[in-house]
Amino acid sequence: MSRELSASFVDALDAYSVEVFFAIELFFDTQTLRFWSGLGELPIPNGAGFDVYTGSGGLIAISGITESADIAATGADITLSAFPSNLLGLALAEPYQGRKCKIYLGVIDRTTSTTEASALTQIFTGQMDQMNIEEGAETSAIQLKVESRLIQLNKPRSLRYTSANQKSRSGVDSSGNVISFSGDKGFDFVEDLQGKKFGWGRSA
């Protein structure tokens, strides 16, 4: 299935001299890390202002991203080389599995003196799954596997129609508040119903 490009992105590609780049966002619980495949810091419009992406010196490698007309789970592999060691603390200290990752393709119009991205389009979004880190004295490399959310369709569900399982669950209401089902009694008598005999109609 093809991805529709915005008019601004198509117009940016028509410039006399353009630079195409990749950018990624890694959404950890306490901080969002943003990198792009160029040098220095790059402000990228986010609708309300700018997000600043840190340059990786062109050392971002992204595996081929495929799309299918079928409902199928696809993934992507991201490699960050020459990664400053002082930024590894976040990756090492915080849980990352299941956290969101976005991959973008961007364009910079080099015919002008602008220092910001001209256009950006999202080409993949998924969840961080596996991270391998090779740490050196000054720099490090990270290999990150990102899976589509559709991968959840391939995982078996372990939920049961039991009172204990229901009370262990929680949810989120329309306002974003966490709701606990610890006091829910809806399944308290399910086990008692197994094999239970009921009298039906008039007694003889």
C-alpha atoms as a PDB file:
ATOM      1  CA  MET A   1       0.000   0.000   0.000  1.00  0.00           C
ATOM      2  CA  SER A   2       1.547   3.289  -1.071  1.00  0.00           C
ATOM      3  CA  ARG A   3       1.931   6.163   1.381  1.00  0.00           C
ATOM      4  CA  GLU A   4       0.542   9.561   0.431  1.00  0.00           C
ATOM      5  CA  LEU A   5       3.049  12.410   0.555  1.00  0.00           C
ATOM      6  CA  SER A   6       2.006  15.880   1.635  1.00  0.00           C
ATOM      7  CA  ALA A   7       2.003  18.720  -0.874  1.00  0.00           C
ATOM      8  CA  SER A   8       4.745  20.507   1.081  1.00  0.00           C
ATOM      9  CA  PHE A   9       6.985  17.427   0.880  1.00  0.00           C
ATOM     10  CA  VAL A  10       6.472  17.081  -2.880  1.00  0.00           C
ATOM     11  CA  ASP A  11       7.138  20.804  -3.376  1.00  0.00           C
ATOM     12  CA  ALA A  12      10.348  20.547  -1.330  1.00  0.00           C
ATOM     13  CA  LEU A  13      11.623  17.801  -3.649  1.00  0.00           C
ATOM     14  CA  ASP A  14      11.283  20.183  -6.596  1.00  0.00           C
ATOM     15  CA  ALA A  15      13.963  22.512  -5.215  1.00  0.00           C
ATOM     16  CA  TYR A  16      17.160  22.923  -7.243  1.00  0.00           C
ATOM     17  CA  SER A  17      19.369  21.422  -4.528  1.00  0.00           C
ATOM     18  CA  VAL A  18      17.940  19.183  -1.792  1.00  0.00           C
ATOM     19  CA  GLU A  19      19.315  16.988   0.964  1.00  0.00           C
ATOM     20  CA  VAL A  20      17.276  13.941   1.949  1.00  0.00           C
ATOM     21  CA  PHE A  21      17.710  12.582   5.455  1.00  0.00           C
ATOM     22  CA  PHE A  22      16.306  10.106   7.970  1.00  0.00           C
ATOM     23  CA  ALA A  23      15.119  11.062  11.446  1.00  0.00           C
ATOM     24  CA  ILE A  24      13.968   8.963  14.381  1.00  0.00           C
ATOM     25  CA  GLU A  25      12.115   9.603  17.635  1.00  0.00           C
ATOM     26  CA  LEU A  26      12.481   7.260  20.616  1.00  0.00           C
ATOM     27  CA  PHE A  27       9.793   7.797  23.254  1.00  0.00           C
ATOM     28  CA  PHE A  28      11.094   6.734  26.660  1.00  0.00           C
ATOM     29  CA  ASP A  29       9.018   7.209  29.818  1.00  0.00           C
ATOM     30  CA  THR A  30      10.827  10.345  31.015  1.00  0.00           C
ATOM     31  CA  GLN A  31      12.424  11.719  27.857  1.00  0.00           C
ATOM     32  CA  THR A  32      12.171  11.607  24.068  1.00  0.00           C
ATOM     33  CA  LEU A  33      15.410  11.173  22.105  1.00  0.00           C
ATOM     34  CA  ARG A  34      15.523  12.598  18.580  1.00  0.00           C
ATOM     35  CA  PHE A  35      18.252  11.967  15.990  1.00  0.00           C
ATOM     36  CA  TRP A  36      18.779  12.691  12.335  1.00  0.00           C
ATOM     37  CA  SER A  37      21.309  11.403   9.814  1.00  0.00           C
ATOM     38  CA  GLY A  38      23.224  14.663   9.357  1.00  0.00           C
ATOM     39  CA  LEU A  39      25.610  16.877  11.317  1.00  0.00           C
ATOM     40  CA  GLY A  40      24.796  19.265  14.138  1.00  0.00           C
ATOM     41  CA  GLU A  41      21.376  20.128  15.491  1.00  0.00           C
ATOM     42  CA  LEU A  42      18.397  20.330  13.133  1.00  0.00           C
ATOM     43  CA  PRO A  43      15.129  22.100  14.083  1.00  0.00           C
ATOM     44  CA  ILE A  44      12.161  20.283  12.553  1.00  0.00           C
ATOM     45  CA  PRO A  45       8.655  21.824  12.612  1.00  0.00           C
ATOM     46  CA  ASN A  46       6.122  19.921  14.753  1.00  0.00           C
ATOM     47  CA  GLY A  47       3.025  22.028  14.064  1.00  0.00           C
ATOM     48  CA  ALA A  48       3.231  24.180  17.192  1.00  0.00           C
ATOM     49  CA  GLY A  49       6.947  24.988  17.035  1.00  0.00           C
ATOM     50  CA  PHE A  50      10.152  23.034  16.507  1.00  0.00           C
ATOM     51  CA  ASP A  51      11.696  19.839  17.819  1.00  0.00           C
ATOM     52  CA  VAL A  52      15.497  19.785  17.813  1.00  0.00           C
ATOM     53  CA  TYR A  53      17.111  16.617  16.444  1.00  0.00           C
ATOM     54  CA  THR A  54      20.710  15.699  17.270  1.00  0.00           C
ATOM     55  CA  GLY A  55      22.940  14.872  14.312  1.00  0.00           C
ATOM     56  CA  SER A  56      24.480  11.428  14.201  1.00  0.00           C
ATOM     57  CA  GLY A  57      27.016  12.298  11.492  1.00  0.00           C
ATOM     58  CA  GLY A  58      25.237  10.261   8.860  1.00  0.00           C
ATOM     59  CA  LEU A  59      25.711   7.122  10.925  1.00  0.00           C
ATOM     60  CA  ILE A  60      22.051   6.151  11.173  1.00  0.00           C
ATOM     61  CA  ALA A  61      21.351   2.924   9.301  1.00  0.00           C
ATOM     62  CA  ILE A  62      17.762   1.793   8.766  1.00  0.00           C
ATOM     63  CA  SER A  63      16.781  -1.510   7.210  1.00  0.00           C
ATOM     64  CA  GLY A  64      14.361  -1.642   4.308  1.00  0.00           C
ATOM     65  CA  ILE A  65      10.834  -0.680   5.374  1.00  0.00           C
ATOM     66  CA  THR A  66       8.107  -2.544   3.525  1.00  0.00           C
ATOM     67  CA  GLU A  67       4.354  -2.064   3.343  1.00  0.00           C
ATOM     68  CA  SER A  68       1.775  -4.606   2.328  1.00  0.00           C
ATOM     69  CA  ALA A  69      -1.819  -4.474   1.147  1.00  0.00           C
ATOM     70  CA  ASP A  70      -2.491  -7.309   3.593  1.00  0.00           C
ATOM     71  CA  ILE A  71      -2.835  -6.879   7.346  1.00  0.00           C
ATOM     72  CA  ALA A  72       0.628  -8.080   8.310  1.00  0.00           C
ATOM     73  CA  ALA A  73       3.173  -7.146  10.949  1.00  0.00           C
ATOM     74  CA  THR A  74       6.393  -5.653   9.576  1.00  0.00           C
ATOM     75  CA  GLY A  75       9.420  -4.320  11.385  1.00  0.00           C
ATOM     76  CA  ALA A  76      12.553  -2.250  10.979  1.00  0.00           C
ATOM     77  CA  ASP A  77      16.107  -2.387  12.310  1.00  0.00           C
ATOM     78  CA  ILE A  78      17.834   0.853  13.345  1.00  0.00           C
ATOM     79  CA  THR A  79      21.577   1.154  13.955  1.00  0.00           C
ATOM     80  CA  LEU A  80      23.067   4.238  15.623  1.00  0.00           C
ATOM     81  CA  SER A  81      26.857   4.375  15.430  1.00  0.00           C
ATOM     82  CA  ALA A  82      29.250   6.845  17.057  1.00  0.00           C
ATOM     83  CA  PHE A  83      26.689   7.280  19.779  1.00  0.00           C
ATOM     84  CA  PRO A  84      27.872   9.445  22.728  1.00  0.00           C
ATOM     85  CA  SER A  85      28.319   7.237  25.783  1.00  0.00           C
ATOM     86  CA  ASN A  86      26.738   9.776  28.112  1.00  0.00           C
ATOM     87  CA  LEU A  87      23.389   9.275  26.368  1.00  0.00           C
ATOM     88  CA  LEU A  88      23.389   5.557  27.046  1.00  0.00           C
ATOM     89  CA  GLY A  89      22.211   6.020  30.631  1.00  0.00           C
ATOM     90  CA  LEU A  90      18.628   6.520  29.521  1.00  0.00           C
ATOM     91  CA  ALA A  91      18.632   3.387  27.388  1.00  0.00           C
ATOM     92  CA  LEU A  92      20.248   1.338  30.157  1.00  0.00           C
ATOM     93  CA  ALA A  93      18.238   2.642  33.122  1.00  0.00           C
ATOM     94  CA  GLU A  94      14.703   2.799  31.710  1.00  0.00           C
ATOM     95  CA  PRO A  95      12.453   0.108  30.267  1.00  0.00           C
ATOM     96  CA  TYR A  96      12.231   0.433  26.507  1.00  0.00           C
ATOM     97  CA  GLN A  97      10.245  -2.555  25.276  1.00  0.00           C
ATOM     98  CA  GLY A  98       6.817  -1.539  24.011  1.00  0.00           C
ATOM     99  CA  ARG A  99       7.758   2.167  23.884  1.00  0.00           C
ATOM    100  CA  LYS A 100       6.935   4.037  20.701  1.00  0.00           C
ATOM    101  CA  CYS A 101       9.432   4.709  17.921  1.00  0.00           C
ATOM    102  CA  LYS A 102       8.819   6.827  14.821  1.00  0.00           C
ATOM    103  CA  ILE A 103      10.921   6.962  11.649  1.00  0.00           C
ATOM    104  CA  TYR A 104      10.770   9.908   9.250  1.00  0.00           C
ATOM    105  CA  LEU A 105      12.059  10.860   5.819  1.00  0.00           C
ATOM    106  CA  GLY A 106      12.900  14.541   5.527  1.00  0.00           C
ATOM    107  CA  VAL A 107      14.066  17.111   2.992  1.00  0.00           C
ATOM    108  CA  ILE A 108      16.223  20.212   3.378  1.00  0.00           C
ATOM    109  CA  ASP A 109      16.236  22.851   0.622  1.00  0.00           C
ATOM    110  CA  ARG A 110      19.947  23.617   0.190  1.00  0.00           C
ATOM    111  CA  THR A 111      19.305  26.405  -2.356  1.00  0.00           C
ATOM    112  CA  THR A 112      18.494  28.673   0.591  1.00  0.00           C
ATOM    113  CA  SER A 113      20.367  29.497   3.760  1.00  0.00           C
ATOM    114  CA  THR A 114      17.773  27.825   5.974  1.00  0.00           C
ATOM    115  CA  THR A 115      18.993  25.824   8.952  1.00  0.00           C
ATOM    116  CA  GLU A 116      15.792  23.822   9.409  1.00  0.00           C
ATOM    117  CA  ALA A 117      14.052  20.983   7.623  1.00  0.00           C
ATOM    118  CA  SER A 118      11.818  21.990   4.724  1.00  0.00           C
ATOM    119  CA  ALA A 119       9.459  19.014   4.956  1.00  0.00           C
ATOM    120  CA  LEU A 120       9.059  15.775   6.879  1.00  0.00           C
ATOM    121  CA  THR A 121       6.950  12.672   6.375  1.00  0.00           C
ATOM    122  CA  GLN A 122       6.492   9.700   8.680  1.00  0.00           C
ATOM    123  CA  ILE A 123       7.382   6.392   7.026  1.00  0.00           C
ATOM    124  CA  PHE A 124       7.100   3.997   9.971  1.00  0.00           C
ATOM    125  CA  THR A 125       5.834   3.835  13.526  1.00  0.00           C
ATOM    126  CA  GLY A 126       6.150   0.911  15.881  1.00  0.00           C
ATOM    127  CA  GLN A 127       7.262  -0.289  19.275  1.00  0.00           C
ATOM    128  CA  MET A 128      10.798  -0.832  20.488  1.00  0.00           C
ATOM    129  CA  ASP A 129      11.360  -4.554  20.932  1.00  0.00           C
ATOM    130  CA  GLN A 130      15.045  -5.465  21.329  1.00  0.00           C
ATOM    131  CA  MET A 131      18.108  -3.280  21.921  1.00  0.00           C
ATOM    132  CA  ASN A 132      21.720  -4.419  21.623  1.00  0.00           C
ATOM    133  CA  ILE A 133      24.433  -2.030  22.845  1.00  0.00           C
ATOM    134  CA  GLU A 134      28.134  -2.125  22.050  1.00  0.00           C
ATOM    135  CA  GLU A 135      29.773   0.347  24.427  1.00  0.00           C
ATOM    136  CA  GLY A 136      33.233   1.783  23.835  1.00  0.00           C
ATOM    137  CA  ALA A 137      35.486   4.164  25.752  1.00  0.00           C
ATOM    138  CA  GLU A 138      34.130   7.311  24.052  1.00  0.00           C
ATOM    139  CA  THR A 139      31.354   6.263  21.692  1.00  0.00           C
ATOM    140  CA  SER A 140      28.941   3.385  21.430  1.00  0.00           C
ATOM    141  CA  ALA A 141      26.655   1.722  18.911  1.00  0.00           C
ATOM    142  CA  ILE A 142      23.030   0.760  19.388  1.00  0.00           C
ATOM    143  CA  GLN A 143      21.109  -1.747  17.315  1.00  0.00           C
ATOM    144  CA  LEU A 144      17.385  -1.404  17.865  1.00  0.00           C
ATOM    145  CA  LYS A 145      14.671  -3.661  16.523  1.00  0.00           C
ATOM    146  CA  VAL A 146      11.299  -1.987  16.079  1.00  0.00           C
ATOM    147  CA  GLU A 147       8.116  -3.987  15.523  1.00  0.00           C
ATOM    148  CA  SER A 148       4.765  -2.904  14.161  1.00  0.00           C
ATOM    149  CA  ARG A 149       1.898  -2.836  16.660  1.00  0.00           C
ATOM    150  CA  LEU A 150       0.256  -5.483  14.483  1.00  0.00           C
ATOM    151  CA  ILE A 151       2.766  -7.956  15.946  1.00  0.00           C
ATOM    152  CA  GLN A 152       0.328  -8.185  18.872  1.00  0.00           C
ATOM    153  CA  LEU A 153      -2.028 -10.081  16.576  1.00  0.00           C
ATOM    154  CA  ASN A 154       0.459 -12.972  16.530  1.00  0.00           C
ATOM    155  CA  LYS A 155       0.731 -13.239  20.316  1.00  0.00           C
ATOM    156  CA  PRO A 156      -1.680 -15.472  22.251  1.00  0.00           C
ATOM    157  CA  ARG A 157      -3.873 -13.838  24.867  1.00  0.00           C
ATOM    158  CA  SER A 158      -3.622 -15.225  28.381  1.00  0.00           C
ATOM    159  CA  LEU A 159      -6.815 -13.605  29.705  1.00  0.00           C
ATOM    160  CA  ARG A 160      -9.327 -15.873  31.417  1.00  0.00           C
ATOM    161  CA  TYR A 161     -12.966 -15.415  32.393  1.00  0.00           C
ATOM    162  CA  THR A 162     -12.151 -15.759  36.079  1.00  0.00           C
ATOM    163  CA  SER A 163     -12.629 -13.503  39.076  1.00  0.00           C
ATOM    164  CA  ALA A 164      -8.885 -13.361  39.824  1.00  0.00           C
ATOM    165  CA  ASN A 165      -8.017 -12.346  36.262  1.00  0.00           C
ATOM    166  CA  GLN A 166     -10.709  -9.656  36.157  1.00  0.00           C
ATOM    167  CA  LYS A 167      -9.608  -8.124  39.460  1.00  0.00           C
ATOM    168  CA  SER A 168      -5.979  -7.986  38.285  1.00  0.00           C
ATOM    169  CA  ARG A 169      -6.815  -5.889  35.241  1.00  0.00           C
ATOM    170  CA  SER A 170      -6.985  -2.122  34.819  1.00  0.00           C
ATOM    171  CA  GLY A 171      -8.097   0.265  32.099  1.00  0.00           C
ATOM    172  CA  VAL A 172      -8.194   3.918  31.064  1.00  0.00           C
ATOM    173  CA  ASP A 173     -11.361   6.027  30.869  1.00  0.00           C
ATOM    174  CA  SER A 174     -12.134   8.727  28.285  1.00  0.00           C
ATOM    175  CA  SER A 175     -10.308  11.329  30.410  1.00  0.00           C
ATOM    176  CA  GLY A 176      -7.113   9.303  30.573  1.00  0.00           C
ATOM    177  CA  ASN A 177      -7.573   8.252  34.200  1.00  0.00           C
ATOM    178  CA  VAL A 178      -6.487   4.741  35.183  1.00  0.00           C
ATOM    179  CA  ILE A 179      -9.350   2.540  36.357  1.00  0.00           C
ATOM    180  CA  SER A 180      -8.741  -0.486  38.581  1.00  0.00           C
ATOM    181  CA  PHE A 181     -11.082  -3.471  38.435  1.00  0.00           C
ATOM    182  CA  SER A 182      -9.939  -4.838  41.820  1.00  0.00           C
ATOM    183  CA  GLY A 183     -13.457  -4.501  43.225  1.00  0.00           C
ATOM    184  CA  ASP A 184     -15.303  -5.908  40.224  1.00  0.00           C
ATOM    185  CA  LYS A 185     -17.545  -8.842  41.273  1.00  0.00           C
ATOM    186  CA  GLY A 186     -18.830  -9.638  37.782  1.00  0.00           C
ATOM    187  CA  PHE A 187     -16.944 -12.945  37.589  1.00  0.00           C
ATOM    188  CA  ASP A 188     -17.135 -13.988  41.255  1.00  0.00           C
ATOM    189  CA  PHE A 189     -19.610 -16.818  40.594  1.00  0.00           C
ATOM    190  CA  VAL A 190     -18.289 -18.104  37.267  1.00  0.00           C
ATOM    191  CA  GLU A 191     -16.384 -21.007  38.809  1.00  0.00           C
ATOM    192  CA  ASP A 192     -19.374 -21.964  40.932  1.00  0.00           C
ATOM    193  CA  LEU A 193     -21.489 -22.304  37.776  1.00  0.00           C
ATOM    194  CA  GLN A 194     -19.319 -25.071  36.331  1.00  0.00           C
ATOM    195  CA  GLY A 195     -21.327 -28.297  36.412  1.00  0.00           C
ATOM    196  CA  LYS A 196     -24.101 -26.726  38.485  1.00  0.00           C
ATOM    197  CA  LYS A 197     -27.540 -28.304  38.087  1.00  0.00           C
ATOM    198  CA  PHE A 198     -30.665 -26.145  37.916  1.00  0.00           C
ATOM    199  CA  GLY A 199     -34.227 -27.233  38.310  1.00  0.00           C
ATOM    200  CA  TRP A 200     -36.352 -26.126  35.374  1.00  0.00           C
ATOM    201  CA  GLY A 201     -40.138 -25.864  35.299  1.00  0.00           C
ATOM    202  CA  ARG A 202     -42.590 -27.320  37.830  1.00  0.00           C
ATOM    203  CA  SER A 203     -41.589 -30.015  40.215  1.00  0.00           C
ATOM    204  CA  ALA A 204     -43.306 -33.391  39.686  1.00  0.00           C
END
